[in-house]
Amino acid sequence: MLDKIAHRLLSTAYTLLKRNEYKAILDAQMAPGIRRRTELDMRKLRETS
């Protein structure tokens, strides 16, 4: 629950600050199923979005 609140808060802040690249990184880090840095590859995530 706390993760969801933190994600929403940071996502909103990055959107308001027009920091879309930071929001994209945050969304990738907080995606369901990703719990380790080794599972996160922004190059692959950018290709799919």
N, C-alpha and C. Protein backbone atom coordinates (compact mmCIF):
# COMPACT_ATOMS: atom_id res chain seq x y z
N MET A 1 0.83 -1.19 0.00
CA MET A 1 0.00 0.00 0.00
C MET A 1 0.87 1.25 0.00
N LEU A 2 1.90 1.25 0.82
CA LEU A 2 2.78 2.41 0.88
C LEU A 2 3.51 2.62 -0.45
N ASP A 3 3.88 1.52 -1.12
CA ASP A 3 4.52 1.63 -2.43
C ASP A 3 3.61 2.33 -3.43
N LYS A 4 2.33 1.99 -3.40
CA LYS A 4 1.38 2.61 -4.34
C LYS A 4 1.23 4.10 -4.07
N ILE A 5 1.18 4.47 -2.80
CA ILE A 5 1.05 5.89 -2.45
C ILE A 5 2.30 6.65 -2.88
N ALA A 6 3.47 6.08 -2.60
CA ALA A 6 4.72 6.73 -2.98
C ALA A 6 4.82 6.87 -4.50
N HIS A 7 4.42 5.83 -5.21
CA HIS A 7 4.45 5.87 -6.68
C HIS A 7 3.54 6.96 -7.21
N ARG A 8 2.33 7.04 -6.70
CA ARG A 8 1.39 8.08 -7.15
C ARG A 8 1.90 9.47 -6.85
N LEU A 9 2.44 9.66 -5.66
CA LEU A 9 2.96 10.96 -5.26
C LEU A 9 4.12 11.40 -6.15
N LEU A 10 5.09 10.51 -6.33
CA LEU A 10 6.24 10.84 -7.17
C LEU A 10 5.84 11.02 -8.63
N SER A 11 4.95 10.17 -9.11
CA SER A 11 4.48 10.27 -10.48
C SER A 11 3.81 11.61 -10.74
N THR A 12 2.97 12.03 -9.82
CA THR A 12 2.29 13.32 -9.94
C THR A 12 3.30 14.47 -9.89
N ALA A 13 4.25 14.39 -8.99
CA ALA A 13 5.27 15.44 -8.87
C ALA A 13 6.08 15.55 -10.15
N TYR A 14 6.52 14.43 -10.71
CA TYR A 14 7.30 14.48 -11.94
C TYR A 14 6.47 15.02 -13.10
N THR A 15 5.20 14.68 -13.14
CA THR A 15 4.33 15.19 -14.19
C THR A 15 4.18 16.71 -14.06
N LEU A 16 3.95 17.20 -12.86
CA LEU A 16 3.79 18.64 -12.65
C LEU A 16 5.08 19.40 -12.94
N LEU A 17 6.22 18.77 -12.68
CA LEU A 17 7.51 19.40 -12.95
C LEU A 17 7.97 19.21 -14.40
N LYS A 18 7.12 18.54 -15.20
CA LYS A 18 7.42 18.25 -16.60
C LYS A 18 8.72 17.44 -16.75
N ARG A 19 8.89 16.48 -15.87
CA ARG A 19 10.04 15.59 -15.89
C ARG A 19 9.59 14.21 -16.35
N ASN A 20 9.15 14.12 -17.60
CA ASN A 20 8.58 12.87 -18.11
C ASN A 20 9.59 11.74 -18.14
N GLU A 21 10.88 12.06 -18.35
CA GLU A 21 11.88 11.00 -18.37
C GLU A 21 12.03 10.37 -16.99
N TYR A 22 11.93 11.18 -15.93
CA TYR A 22 11.99 10.64 -14.57
C TYR A 22 10.74 9.81 -14.26
N LYS A 23 9.60 10.27 -14.75
CA LYS A 23 8.35 9.54 -14.54
C LYS A 23 8.43 8.17 -15.22
N ALA A 24 9.00 8.11 -16.41
CA ALA A 24 9.14 6.84 -17.13
C ALA A 24 10.03 5.87 -16.35
N ILE A 25 11.10 6.38 -15.78
CA ILE A 25 11.99 5.53 -14.98
C ILE A 25 11.27 5.04 -13.74
N LEU A 26 10.55 5.93 -13.08
CA LEU A 26 9.79 5.56 -11.89
C LEU A 26 8.75 4.49 -12.22
N ASP A 27 8.02 4.69 -13.32
CA ASP A 27 7.01 3.71 -13.72
C ASP A 27 7.64 2.34 -13.97
N ALA A 28 8.81 2.34 -14.59
CA ALA A 28 9.49 1.07 -14.86
C ALA A 28 9.95 0.41 -13.57
N GLN A 29 10.46 1.20 -12.64
CA GLN A 29 10.94 0.65 -11.38
C GLN A 29 9.81 0.09 -10.53
N MET A 30 8.65 0.71 -10.62
CA MET A 30 7.52 0.32 -9.78
C MET A 30 6.57 -0.64 -10.49
N ALA A 31 6.93 -1.10 -11.67
CA ALA A 31 6.07 -2.02 -12.41
C ALA A 31 5.89 -3.32 -11.63
N PRO A 32 4.71 -3.90 -11.71
CA PRO A 32 4.47 -5.17 -11.01
C PRO A 32 5.45 -6.24 -11.48
N GLY A 33 6.00 -6.96 -10.54
CA GLY A 33 6.89 -8.06 -10.86
C GLY A 33 8.36 -7.69 -10.90
N ILE A 34 8.69 -6.41 -10.98
CA ILE A 34 10.09 -5.99 -11.01
C ILE A 34 10.51 -5.64 -9.59
N ARG A 35 11.40 -6.43 -9.04
CA ARG A 35 11.84 -6.20 -7.67
C ARG A 35 13.35 -6.07 -7.55
N ARG A 36 14.05 -6.31 -8.64
CA ARG A 36 15.51 -6.21 -8.60
C ARG A 36 15.99 -5.32 -9.75
N ARG A 37 17.05 -4.63 -9.49
CA ARG A 37 17.61 -3.74 -10.50
C ARG A 37 18.02 -4.52 -11.75
N THR A 38 18.46 -5.76 -11.57
CA THR A 38 18.89 -6.56 -12.72
C THR A 38 17.73 -6.89 -13.65
N GLU A 39 16.51 -6.84 -13.15
CA GLU A 39 15.34 -7.13 -13.97
C GLU A 39 14.88 -5.91 -14.76
N LEU A 40 15.47 -4.76 -14.50
CA LEU A 40 15.05 -3.51 -15.10
C LEU A 40 15.99 -3.13 -16.23
N ASP A 41 15.47 -3.02 -17.42
CA ASP A 41 16.26 -2.59 -18.57
C ASP A 41 15.44 -1.56 -19.33
N MET A 42 15.78 -0.29 -19.17
CA MET A 42 15.01 0.79 -19.77
C MET A 42 15.01 0.71 -21.29
N ARG A 43 16.06 0.15 -21.89
CA ARG A 43 16.08 0.03 -23.35
C ARG A 43 14.95 -0.86 -23.82
N LYS A 44 14.73 -1.96 -23.13
CA LYS A 44 13.65 -2.87 -23.50
C LYS A 44 12.29 -2.24 -23.23
N LEU A 45 12.17 -1.53 -22.12
CA LEU A 45 10.89 -0.91 -21.77
C LEU A 45 10.54 0.21 -22.74
N ARG A 46 11.51 0.95 -23.22
CA ARG A 46 11.25 2.02 -24.18
C ARG A 46 10.78 1.46 -25.51
N GLU A 47 11.31 0.30 -25.90
CA GLU A 47 10.91 -0.31 -27.17
C GLU A 47 9.46 -0.73 -27.15
N THR A 48 8.95 -1.14 -26.00
CA THR A 48 7.58 -1.63 -25.92
C THR A 48 6.57 -0.51 -25.73
N SER A 49 7.01 0.65 -25.27
CA SER A 49 6.05 1.74 -25.03
C SER A 49 6.00 2.73 -26.16
